[in-house]
Protein backbone atom coordinates (compact mmCIF):
# COMPACT_ATOMS: atom_id res chain seq x y z
CA UNK A 1 54.77 -217.51 -68.17
CA UNK A 2 54.15 -221.03 -69.35
CA UNK A 3 53.93 -223.53 -66.50
CA UNK A 4 56.50 -226.45 -66.99
CA UNK A 5 55.02 -229.88 -68.12
CA UNK A 6 55.54 -232.00 -65.01
CA UNK A 7 53.21 -234.70 -66.59
CA UNK A 8 55.76 -236.35 -68.51
CA UNK A 9 59.25 -237.85 -67.80
CA UNK A 10 61.62 -236.36 -67.58
CA UNK A 11 60.79 -233.22 -65.55
CA UNK A 12 62.55 -230.40 -67.23
CA UNK A 13 64.38 -229.25 -64.04
CA UNK A 14 65.48 -232.85 -63.50
CA UNK A 15 66.64 -233.22 -67.12
CA UNK A 16 68.67 -230.00 -66.85
CA UNK A 17 70.07 -230.70 -63.36
CA UNK A 18 70.96 -234.29 -63.48
CA UNK A 19 70.17 -236.47 -66.55
CA UNK A 20 71.64 -234.04 -69.31
CA UNK A 21 75.03 -233.65 -67.27
CA UNK A 22 75.19 -237.45 -66.56
CA UNK A 23 74.43 -238.24 -70.19
CA UNK A 24 77.35 -235.99 -71.28
CA UNK A 25 79.69 -237.30 -68.65
CA UNK A 26 78.81 -240.97 -69.97
CA UNK A 27 79.44 -240.09 -73.48
CA UNK A 28 82.99 -238.74 -72.67
CA UNK A 29 83.69 -241.58 -70.18
CA UNK A 30 81.92 -244.55 -70.64
CA UNK A 31 80.90 -245.19 -74.33
CA UNK A 32 83.42 -247.27 -75.28
CA UNK A 33 83.33 -249.54 -72.18
CA UNK A 34 79.59 -249.59 -72.53
CA UNK A 35 79.71 -251.09 -76.19
CA UNK A 36 82.48 -253.44 -75.05
CA UNK A 37 80.07 -254.71 -72.18
CA UNK A 38 77.33 -255.25 -74.88
CA UNK A 39 79.71 -257.32 -77.13
CA UNK A 40 80.96 -259.48 -74.19
CA UNK A 41 77.47 -260.07 -72.65
CA UNK A 42 75.98 -260.92 -76.12
CA UNK A 43 78.80 -263.60 -76.84
CA UNK A 44 78.59 -265.01 -73.52
CA UNK A 45 74.60 -265.41 -74.02
CA UNK A 46 75.33 -267.19 -77.34
CA UNK A 47 77.91 -269.39 -75.97
CA UNK A 48 75.75 -270.51 -73.30
CA UNK A 49 72.91 -271.17 -75.58
CA UNK A 50 70.66 -268.62 -73.74
CA UNK A 51 70.03 -266.71 -77.15
CA UNK A 52 70.53 -268.31 -80.56
CA UNK A 53 73.79 -267.76 -82.56
CA UNK A 54 71.37 -266.07 -85.24
CA UNK A 55 70.09 -263.41 -82.88
CA UNK A 56 73.67 -262.94 -81.46
CA UNK A 57 74.99 -262.43 -84.77
CA UNK A 58 72.36 -259.62 -85.46
CA UNK A 59 73.17 -257.86 -82.36
CA UNK A 60 77.00 -258.20 -83.08
CA UNK A 61 76.53 -256.73 -86.66
CA UNK A 62 74.35 -253.83 -85.04
CA UNK A 63 77.20 -253.32 -82.59
CA UNK A 64 79.58 -253.27 -85.62
CA UNK A 65 77.43 -250.59 -87.48
CA UNK A 66 76.91 -248.52 -84.63
CA UNK A 67 77.82 -244.79 -85.18
CA UNK A 68 80.02 -244.24 -82.14
CA UNK A 69 80.94 -240.65 -83.25
CA UNK A 70 77.41 -239.88 -83.44
CA UNK A 71 76.58 -241.22 -80.03
CA UNK A 72 79.50 -239.45 -78.55
CA UNK A 73 78.28 -236.02 -79.88
CA UNK A 74 74.49 -236.48 -79.69
CA UNK A 75 72.79 -233.79 -77.68
CA UNK A 76 70.40 -234.75 -74.67
CA UNK A 77 66.95 -234.74 -75.73
CA UNK A 78 65.10 -236.24 -73.03
CA UNK A 79 63.85 -239.05 -75.36
CA UNK A 80 65.95 -241.52 -73.37
CA UNK A 81 66.72 -241.46 -69.72
CA UNK A 82 70.61 -242.10 -70.18
CA UNK A 83 73.08 -243.26 -72.44
CA UNK A 84 72.41 -246.77 -71.89
CA UNK A 85 69.12 -246.55 -73.23
CA UNK A 86 70.16 -244.06 -75.88
CA UNK A 87 72.51 -246.85 -77.22
CA UNK A 88 69.87 -249.44 -76.87
CA UNK A 89 67.61 -247.55 -78.94
CA UNK A 90 70.29 -246.98 -81.32
CA UNK A 91 70.75 -250.92 -81.63
CA UNK A 92 67.07 -251.51 -81.99
CA UNK A 93 66.91 -249.44 -85.06
CA UNK A 94 69.99 -251.41 -86.60
CA UNK A 95 68.85 -255.05 -85.70
CA UNK A 96 65.21 -254.84 -84.34
CA UNK A 97 63.55 -254.56 -81.13
CA UNK A 98 63.31 -258.38 -80.59
CA UNK A 99 66.96 -259.11 -81.26
CA UNK A 100 68.19 -255.90 -79.24
CA UNK A 101 65.96 -256.89 -76.58
CA UNK A 102 67.38 -260.40 -76.35
CA UNK A 103 70.79 -258.70 -75.76
CA UNK A 104 69.35 -257.46 -72.37
CA UNK A 105 68.77 -260.97 -71.16
CA UNK A 106 70.25 -261.93 -67.72
CA UNK A 107 71.74 -258.38 -67.14
CA UNK A 108 70.82 -255.07 -65.53
CA UNK A 109 71.80 -251.52 -65.85
CA UNK A 110 73.17 -251.99 -62.25
CA UNK A 111 75.83 -254.52 -63.22
CA UNK A 112 76.56 -252.81 -66.69
CA UNK A 113 77.09 -249.41 -64.93
CA UNK A 114 79.25 -250.83 -62.14
CA UNK A 115 81.40 -252.59 -64.67
CA UNK A 116 81.78 -249.74 -66.96
CA UNK A 117 83.07 -247.51 -63.76
CA UNK A 118 85.55 -250.04 -62.81
CA UNK A 119 86.86 -250.42 -66.48
CA UNK A 120 87.29 -246.53 -66.60
CA UNK A 121 89.03 -246.53 -62.93
CA UNK A 122 91.50 -249.25 -63.74
CA UNK A 123 93.08 -247.36 -66.66
CA UNK A 124 93.20 -244.32 -64.34
CA UNK A 125 94.96 -246.00 -61.80
CA UNK A 126 97.55 -247.31 -64.15
CA UNK A 127 98.06 -243.94 -65.31
CA UNK A 128 98.70 -242.47 -61.97
CA UNK A 129 101.27 -245.44 -61.11
CA UNK A 130 103.15 -244.41 -64.18
CA UNK A 131 103.17 -240.94 -62.93
CA UNK A 132 104.25 -241.97 -59.46
CA UNK A 133 107.13 -243.78 -61.04
CA UNK A 134 108.16 -240.98 -63.22
CA UNK A 135 108.59 -238.82 -60.04
CA UNK A 136 110.35 -241.85 -58.32
CA UNK A 137 112.82 -242.22 -61.23
CA UNK A 138 113.74 -238.54 -61.18
CA UNK A 139 114.21 -238.69 -57.35
CA UNK A 140 116.38 -241.73 -57.44
CA UNK A 141 118.55 -240.24 -60.26
CA UNK A 142 119.08 -236.97 -58.47
CA UNK A 143 119.99 -239.02 -55.28
CA UNK A 144 122.61 -240.95 -57.21
CA UNK A 145 124.23 -237.57 -58.20
CA UNK A 146 124.15 -236.05 -54.53
CA UNK A 147 125.27 -238.85 -52.33
CA UNK A 148 127.92 -236.61 -50.97
CA UNK A 149 125.90 -233.41 -50.83
CA UNK A 150 125.69 -232.32 -47.40
CA UNK A 151 122.65 -230.63 -46.09
CA UNK A 152 120.69 -229.97 -42.89
CA UNK A 153 117.78 -232.16 -41.84
CA UNK A 154 114.93 -230.48 -39.99
CA UNK A 155 112.89 -231.27 -37.10
CA UNK A 156 109.83 -229.10 -35.86
CA UNK A 157 110.77 -226.68 -38.85
CA UNK A 158 114.18 -226.00 -37.06
CA UNK A 159 117.73 -227.32 -38.34
CA UNK A 160 118.49 -230.46 -36.53
CA UNK A 161 121.44 -232.75 -37.82
CA UNK A 162 123.63 -232.97 -41.15
CA UNK A 163 122.48 -235.40 -43.70
CA UNK A 164 122.72 -235.65 -47.56
CA UNK A 165 120.66 -234.52 -50.24
CA UNK A 166 120.49 -238.08 -51.46
CA UNK A 167 119.18 -239.19 -47.86
CA UNK A 168 116.30 -236.72 -48.05
CA UNK A 169 115.39 -237.67 -51.78
CA UNK A 170 115.68 -241.43 -50.99
CA UNK A 171 113.27 -240.79 -48.20
CA UNK A 172 110.86 -239.15 -50.80
CA UNK A 173 111.47 -241.89 -53.33
CA UNK A 174 110.59 -244.68 -50.96
CA UNK A 175 107.37 -242.76 -50.08
CA UNK A 176 106.56 -242.70 -53.81
CA UNK A 177 107.13 -246.43 -53.96
CA UNK A 178 104.69 -247.04 -51.07
CA UNK A 179 102.10 -244.90 -52.95
CA UNK A 180 102.58 -246.98 -56.06
CA UNK A 181 102.05 -250.30 -53.97
CA UNK A 182 98.95 -248.71 -52.40
CA UNK A 183 97.72 -248.09 -56.08
CA UNK A 184 98.53 -251.59 -56.79
CA UNK A 185 96.41 -252.97 -54.14
CA UNK A 186 93.44 -250.58 -55.19
CA UNK A 187 94.00 -251.90 -58.73
CA UNK A 188 93.57 -255.47 -57.69
CA UNK A 189 90.20 -254.51 -55.87
CA UNK A 190 88.92 -252.65 -58.88
CA UNK A 191 89.66 -254.99 -61.51
CA UNK A 192 86.90 -257.53 -60.46
CA UNK A 193 84.01 -258.13 -62.79
CA UNK A 194 80.48 -257.44 -61.39
CA UNK A 195 78.65 -258.42 -64.59
CA UNK A 196 76.16 -261.33 -63.85
CA UNK A 197 75.19 -259.69 -60.67
CA UNK A 198 72.22 -258.24 -62.65
CA UNK A 199 70.05 -256.00 -60.57
CA UNK A 200 71.67 -257.37 -57.09
CA UNK A 201 70.75 -261.27 -57.00
CA UNK A 202 72.26 -262.79 -60.21
CA UNK A 203 69.63 -264.80 -62.54
CA UNK A 204 68.10 -267.97 -63.15
CA UNK A 205 69.80 -268.12 -66.68
CA UNK A 206 72.89 -270.41 -66.93
CA UNK A 207 75.49 -267.56 -67.58
CA UNK A 208 79.14 -267.87 -67.65
CA UNK A 209 80.42 -264.92 -65.50
CA UNK A 210 83.97 -265.76 -65.67
CA UNK A 211 83.97 -265.89 -69.53
CA UNK A 212 82.48 -262.49 -69.53
CA UNK A 213 85.08 -261.31 -67.13
CA UNK A 214 87.91 -262.63 -69.34
CA UNK A 215 86.48 -260.97 -72.22
CA UNK A 216 86.28 -257.57 -70.57
CA UNK A 217 89.99 -257.94 -69.27
CA UNK A 218 89.26 -258.59 -65.57
CA UNK A 219 91.21 -260.62 -63.44
CA UNK A 220 88.33 -262.34 -61.69
CA UNK A 221 84.83 -261.72 -60.34
CA UNK A 222 83.47 -259.52 -57.72
CA UNK A 223 81.86 -262.62 -56.42
CA UNK A 224 78.84 -261.85 -54.35
CA UNK A 225 76.30 -260.39 -56.32
CA UNK A 226 74.92 -258.27 -53.63
CA UNK A 227 78.28 -256.90 -52.83
CA UNK A 228 79.11 -256.39 -56.60
CA UNK A 229 76.40 -253.84 -56.69
CA UNK A 230 76.16 -252.42 -53.36
CA UNK A 231 80.08 -252.31 -52.26
CA UNK A 232 81.71 -249.10 -53.01
CA UNK A 233 85.26 -250.04 -51.54
CA UNK A 234 86.71 -250.32 -55.07
CA UNK A 235 86.10 -246.47 -55.17
CA UNK A 236 87.06 -245.54 -51.54
CA UNK A 237 90.32 -247.83 -51.67
CA UNK A 238 91.41 -245.90 -54.85
CA UNK A 239 90.33 -242.43 -53.46
CA UNK A 240 92.30 -243.36 -50.17
CA UNK A 241 95.43 -244.25 -52.30
CA UNK A 242 95.09 -241.03 -54.21
CA UNK A 243 94.56 -238.86 -51.00
CA UNK A 244 97.87 -240.46 -49.36
CA UNK A 245 99.79 -239.99 -52.51
CA UNK A 246 98.79 -236.20 -52.92
CA UNK A 247 99.17 -235.49 -49.29
CA UNK A 248 102.62 -236.86 -49.70
CA UNK A 249 103.35 -234.93 -52.71
CA UNK A 250 102.04 -231.68 -51.32
CA UNK A 251 104.27 -231.87 -48.17
CA UNK A 252 107.30 -232.52 -50.27
CA UNK A 253 106.25 -229.57 -52.62
CA UNK A 254 106.12 -227.33 -49.72
CA UNK A 255 109.73 -228.11 -48.75
CA UNK A 256 111.01 -227.28 -52.15
CA UNK A 257 109.02 -224.13 -52.23
CA UNK A 258 110.80 -223.14 -48.98
CA UNK A 259 114.03 -224.15 -50.51
CA UNK A 260 113.42 -221.76 -53.37
CA UNK A 261 113.19 -218.70 -51.00
CA UNK A 262 116.10 -216.29 -50.85
CA UNK A 263 116.40 -217.05 -47.16
CA UNK A 264 117.06 -220.72 -47.98
CA UNK A 265 118.59 -220.52 -51.31
CA UNK A 266 118.74 -224.14 -51.74
CA UNK A 267 116.98 -224.51 -55.22
CA UNK A 268 116.93 -222.15 -58.19
CA UNK A 269 114.43 -222.92 -60.98
CA UNK A 270 115.56 -222.49 -64.55
CA UNK A 271 114.16 -219.62 -66.66
CA UNK A 272 111.76 -222.05 -68.28
CA UNK A 273 109.97 -222.59 -64.97
CA UNK A 274 109.76 -219.02 -63.32
CA UNK A 275 107.41 -216.40 -63.72
CA UNK A 276 107.99 -212.62 -63.48
CA UNK A 277 106.01 -210.30 -61.57
CA UNK A 278 103.72 -207.67 -63.58
CA UNK A 279 105.17 -204.94 -61.29
CA UNK A 280 108.52 -206.30 -59.80
CA UNK A 281 111.18 -206.61 -62.50
CA UNK A 282 113.25 -208.72 -60.10
CA UNK A 283 110.99 -211.28 -59.21
CA UNK A 284 111.63 -215.24 -60.22
CA UNK A 285 108.56 -216.71 -58.78
CA UNK A 286 108.59 -220.43 -58.50
CA UNK A 287 104.97 -220.80 -59.12
CA UNK A 288 104.92 -224.23 -60.84
CA UNK A 289 105.59 -225.57 -57.28
CA UNK A 290 102.56 -223.77 -56.22
CA UNK A 291 100.57 -225.11 -59.08
CA UNK A 292 101.81 -228.69 -57.82
CA UNK A 293 100.71 -227.78 -54.36
CA UNK A 294 97.05 -226.72 -55.40
CA UNK A 295 96.48 -229.73 -57.97
CA UNK A 296 97.61 -232.14 -55.32
CA UNK A 297 95.18 -230.33 -52.82
CA UNK A 298 92.41 -230.23 -55.30
CA UNK A 299 93.00 -234.01 -56.22
CA UNK A 300 92.89 -234.98 -52.41
CA UNK A 301 89.63 -232.78 -51.81
CA UNK A 302 87.94 -234.50 -54.75
CA UNK A 303 88.98 -238.16 -53.40
CA UNK A 304 87.86 -236.98 -49.97
CA UNK A 305 84.66 -235.85 -51.63
CA UNK A 306 84.04 -239.48 -52.59
CA UNK A 307 84.11 -240.47 -48.93
CA UNK A 308 81.87 -237.57 -48.00
CA UNK A 309 79.34 -238.67 -50.79
CA UNK A 310 79.26 -242.33 -49.65
CA UNK A 311 79.31 -241.95 -45.87
CA UNK A 312 76.17 -243.10 -44.13
CA UNK A 313 74.53 -244.30 -47.33
CA UNK A 314 72.75 -247.58 -47.18
CA UNK A 315 74.46 -250.77 -48.31
CA UNK A 316 72.56 -251.40 -51.49
CA UNK A 317 71.86 -250.16 -55.01
CA UNK A 318 72.02 -246.43 -54.79
CA UNK A 319 72.53 -243.55 -57.16
CA UNK A 320 74.89 -241.88 -54.65
CA UNK A 321 77.66 -244.29 -55.80
CA UNK A 322 76.78 -243.94 -59.56
CA UNK A 323 76.70 -241.08 -62.29
CA UNK A 324 76.71 -238.00 -60.00
CA UNK A 325 79.74 -239.30 -58.00
CA UNK A 326 81.97 -240.27 -61.13
CA UNK A 327 82.96 -236.74 -61.86
CA UNK A 328 84.78 -236.64 -58.45
CA UNK A 329 86.72 -239.94 -59.84
CA UNK A 330 87.65 -238.24 -62.94
CA UNK A 331 88.74 -235.06 -61.56
CA UNK A 332 90.74 -236.70 -58.62
CA UNK A 333 92.51 -238.95 -61.40
CA UNK A 334 93.28 -235.95 -63.78
CA UNK A 335 94.66 -233.65 -61.26
CA UNK A 336 96.72 -236.42 -59.79
CA UNK A 337 98.31 -236.84 -63.06
CA UNK A 338 98.86 -233.43 -63.69
CA UNK A 339 100.50 -232.85 -60.24
CA UNK A 340 102.97 -235.79 -60.65
CA UNK A 341 103.82 -235.06 -64.30
CA UNK A 342 104.35 -231.42 -63.48
CA UNK A 343 106.52 -232.16 -60.28
CA UNK A 344 108.80 -234.45 -62.18
CA UNK A 345 109.21 -231.76 -64.84
CA UNK A 346 110.37 -229.18 -62.55
CA UNK A 347 112.71 -231.36 -60.64
CA UNK A 348 114.46 -231.96 -64.09
CA UNK A 349 114.93 -228.05 -64.46
CA UNK A 350 116.12 -226.83 -60.97
CA UNK A 351 119.71 -225.97 -60.01
CA UNK A 352 120.84 -227.24 -56.45
CA UNK A 353 122.87 -224.93 -54.35
CA UNK A 354 125.22 -227.38 -52.82
CA UNK A 355 127.54 -224.94 -51.21
CA UNK A 356 124.67 -223.24 -49.49
CA UNK A 357 123.39 -226.48 -48.32
CA UNK A 358 126.74 -227.56 -46.97
CA UNK A 359 127.25 -224.34 -45.23
CA UNK A 360 124.12 -224.64 -43.23
CA UNK A 361 124.94 -228.26 -42.53
CA UNK A 362 128.10 -226.97 -40.71
CA UNK A 363 126.24 -224.13 -38.77
CA UNK A 364 123.83 -223.85 -35.67
CA UNK A 365 125.22 -226.49 -33.64
CA UNK A 366 123.80 -229.25 -35.96
CA UNK A 367 126.55 -231.71 -35.17
CA UNK A 368 126.65 -231.57 -31.38
CA UNK A 369 124.76 -234.97 -31.04
CA UNK A 370 127.91 -236.51 -32.15
CA UNK A 371 130.00 -234.60 -29.76
CA UNK A 372 127.72 -236.01 -27.09
CA UNK A 373 128.19 -239.56 -28.70
CA UNK A 374 131.84 -238.98 -28.60
CA UNK A 375 131.88 -238.35 -25.05
CA UNK A 376 129.99 -241.45 -24.35
CA UNK A 377 132.67 -243.44 -26.19
CA UNK A 378 135.84 -241.77 -25.07
CA UNK A 379 134.85 -240.53 -21.42
CA UNK A 380 132.86 -243.64 -20.46
CA UNK A 381 129.96 -241.67 -19.16
CA UNK A 382 126.07 -241.93 -19.90
CA UNK A 383 124.55 -240.43 -22.77
CA UNK A 384 122.40 -238.48 -20.47
CA UNK A 385 125.55 -237.05 -18.61
CA UNK A 386 127.17 -236.41 -22.12
CA UNK A 387 124.04 -234.56 -23.17
CA UNK A 388 123.86 -232.48 -20.15
CA UNK A 389 127.51 -231.35 -20.77
CA UNK A 390 127.06 -230.47 -24.32
CA UNK A 391 123.55 -228.77 -23.66
CA UNK A 392 125.55 -226.56 -21.18
CA UNK A 393 128.16 -225.76 -23.63
CA UNK A 394 125.42 -224.70 -26.28
CA UNK A 395 123.92 -222.42 -23.73
CA UNK A 396 127.17 -220.99 -23.18
CA UNK A 397 127.73 -219.64 -26.50
CA UNK A 398 124.51 -217.92 -26.65
CA UNK A 399 123.61 -219.01 -30.25
CA UNK A 400 127.11 -217.80 -31.57
CA UNK A 401 128.44 -221.17 -32.78
CA UNK A 402 131.78 -222.13 -34.10
CA UNK A 403 133.36 -225.54 -33.62
CA UNK A 404 136.31 -224.26 -31.92
CA UNK A 405 134.29 -222.20 -29.35
CA UNK A 406 132.17 -225.15 -28.83
CA UNK A 407 134.97 -227.30 -27.92
CA UNK A 408 136.46 -224.69 -25.58
CA UNK A 409 133.28 -224.52 -23.67
CA UNK A 410 132.77 -228.07 -23.32
CA UNK A 411 136.39 -228.57 -22.14
CA UNK A 412 135.98 -225.76 -19.69
CA UNK A 413 132.61 -227.06 -18.33
CA UNK A 414 133.61 -230.59 -17.89
CA UNK A 415 135.07 -230.54 -14.29
CA UNK A 416 131.74 -228.91 -13.24
CA UNK A 417 129.49 -231.76 -14.91
CA UNK A 418 131.95 -234.72 -14.90
CA UNK A 419 133.89 -233.81 -11.85
CA UNK A 420 137.30 -234.15 -14.08
CA UNK A 421 138.71 -232.76 -17.17
CA UNK A 422 138.11 -234.53 -20.44
CA UNK A 423 140.33 -237.50 -21.86
CA UNK A 424 139.43 -236.85 -25.40
CA UNK A 425 141.89 -234.84 -27.25
CA UNK A 426 141.00 -231.50 -29.00
CA UNK A 427 141.43 -233.11 -32.54
CA UNK A 428 138.82 -235.92 -31.30
CA UNK A 429 136.31 -233.41 -30.34
CA UNK A 430 136.93 -231.25 -33.44
CA UNK A 431 136.35 -234.37 -35.72
CA UNK A 432 133.07 -235.00 -33.88
CA UNK A 433 131.82 -231.73 -35.04
CA UNK A 434 132.75 -231.97 -38.60
CA UNK A 435 129.44 -232.56 -40.53
CA UNK A 436 130.89 -234.85 -42.91
CA UNK A 437 132.24 -237.05 -40.29
CA UNK A 438 128.71 -236.75 -38.82
CA UNK A 439 127.24 -238.31 -41.88
CA UNK A 440 129.99 -240.79 -42.84
CA UNK A 441 129.77 -242.60 -39.60
CA UNK A 442 126.02 -243.12 -39.59
CA UNK A 443 126.28 -246.59 -41.25
CA UNK A 444 123.33 -248.12 -39.76
CA UNK A 445 120.73 -249.31 -42.40
CA UNK A 446 118.63 -246.40 -43.34
CA UNK A 447 121.26 -243.94 -42.41
CA UNK A 448 122.85 -240.92 -44.50
CA UNK A 449 126.25 -242.60 -44.98
CA UNK A 450 127.20 -243.19 -48.53
CA UNK A 451 127.81 -246.98 -47.56
CA UNK A 452 124.42 -247.15 -46.43
CA UNK A 453 122.56 -245.03 -49.04
CA UNK A 454 123.99 -246.77 -52.14
CA UNK A 455 122.54 -250.13 -51.25
CA UNK A 456 119.29 -248.44 -49.96
CA UNK A 457 119.11 -246.78 -53.67
CA UNK A 458 119.68 -250.14 -55.17
CA UNK A 459 116.70 -251.48 -53.33
CA UNK A 460 114.68 -248.58 -54.40
CA UNK A 461 115.60 -248.90 -58.00
CA UNK A 462 114.69 -252.68 -57.71
CA UNK A 463 111.39 -251.95 -56.13
CA UNK A 464 110.73 -249.32 -58.90
CA UNK A 465 111.54 -251.96 -61.42
CA UNK A 466 109.09 -254.47 -59.95
CA UNK A 467 106.27 -251.66 -60.15
CA UNK A 468 107.31 -250.96 -63.84
CA UNK A 469 106.90 -254.80 -64.79
CA UNK A 470 103.74 -254.87 -62.98
CA UNK A 471 102.49 -251.73 -64.86
CA UNK A 472 103.64 -253.18 -68.09
CA UNK A 473 101.92 -256.63 -67.54
CA UNK A 474 98.61 -254.63 -66.46
CA UNK A 475 98.68 -252.39 -69.36
CA UNK A 476 99.37 -255.15 -71.73
CA UNK A 477 96.29 -257.16 -70.36
CA UNK A 478 94.09 -254.20 -71.00
CA UNK A 479 95.35 -253.66 -74.31
CA UNK A 480 94.73 -257.21 -75.60
CA UNK A 481 91.25 -257.84 -74.29
CA UNK A 482 89.42 -256.07 -77.18
CA UNK A 483 91.25 -258.40 -79.36
CA UNK A 484 89.57 -261.29 -77.53
CA UNK A 485 86.17 -259.77 -78.10
CA UNK A 486 86.86 -259.14 -81.69
CA UNK A 487 88.08 -262.60 -82.29
CA UNK A 488 85.00 -264.10 -80.45
CA UNK A 489 82.87 -261.93 -82.65
CA UNK A 490 84.73 -263.02 -85.88
CA UNK A 491 84.22 -266.77 -84.87
CA UNK A 492 80.52 -266.24 -84.27
CA UNK A 493 79.99 -264.37 -87.59
CA UNK A 494 81.81 -267.07 -89.71
CA UNK A 495 79.80 -269.79 -88.21
């Protein structure tokens, strides 16, 4: 067996286990941003007089002539360490080593790599925000349709009090809105340009970092050069926002899966969304929700993996934060998008059993809190006294609930607990146990009453509109910066 040649770089095992994998990841994810960075940096060097216009024109023409398709499909052969050097050699072949080498003045692979990571991530964040908004729009639309649809709210997995489906859906929509805001904050951190930090301490050349940042569509600088290279909070803040969003989505999905069970019977997916059993002809399995749940969990785990990889690493230039870590970023972003898109689609293809929900809202003593509240108002007793009396009535019925029986039990027990008969009429007490009455009088901000839900939905829609405007503005900004590079190149070549 021939011994491997470990005298020359790269060692075969190193190439197979690290360099080739990272090379192909970079081809798929970073080639375009790498070339844009080459353009922007070269244009800045010429503008600052650091390299001559003639050399800059040679470099720009070489970049124009670069065969991106060839670079994107090139196999890793070990002749260069990574995609950065592969592209540099390709440029050398087009304009000569001297001109191509001038392009690398006042920069490092360090600031180039972090810049391309940020360029990729900012696009991913915007895509996720659009996915979150898609879910939020569907939720708000459904809530508008179900302002008067009664359902039970659950605490500790047990039926608790009547609410409306709109109240539940609005809670989820507001949750998604906060997820979007967290992603917005992460975007602001990500969209800062590290170019000009060089290896870690900037350069003695009179560079214009702000102009480079503008050419690349950034909103400002990651100012301190040490932090521009060493800090990883642009990754962890994004990962944290993704983790929170996917945790939120997974919890809601678990609810909807339960609602699809025969025991609950609240939701029924259309035929387009169910899968049959290979052996049981009757099965209508709501597996798309299971796919949402596992995709959300997978995205959360990959985002959590970013923290695990960076935990206890030194605050400096390290490979732990670079190429080997990026697939976790790609994976978390992609699976988050899949989960959000799938969830929004399922919600548009389900039937809601409003009758079943209303039946459950009227059962199992769910309205007796309002009975206690009514006793406070009509009998002039403390809530704790009213609570004890109603609790005694619940125990008396031993789980066999009916409104009539509940009223009879409370009336019979009142002399023992209050020392007198009740003043409230039977009709008043029965009204207290009506589930719609329970909902309708909960008018406090955030409550389930239609009068409280409608303005809350208006606020949620206004918040969604703000995020949509923000997303459109940021997307437009990313769409136009390549034209700034192109225009600056045209000006240079025309001179």
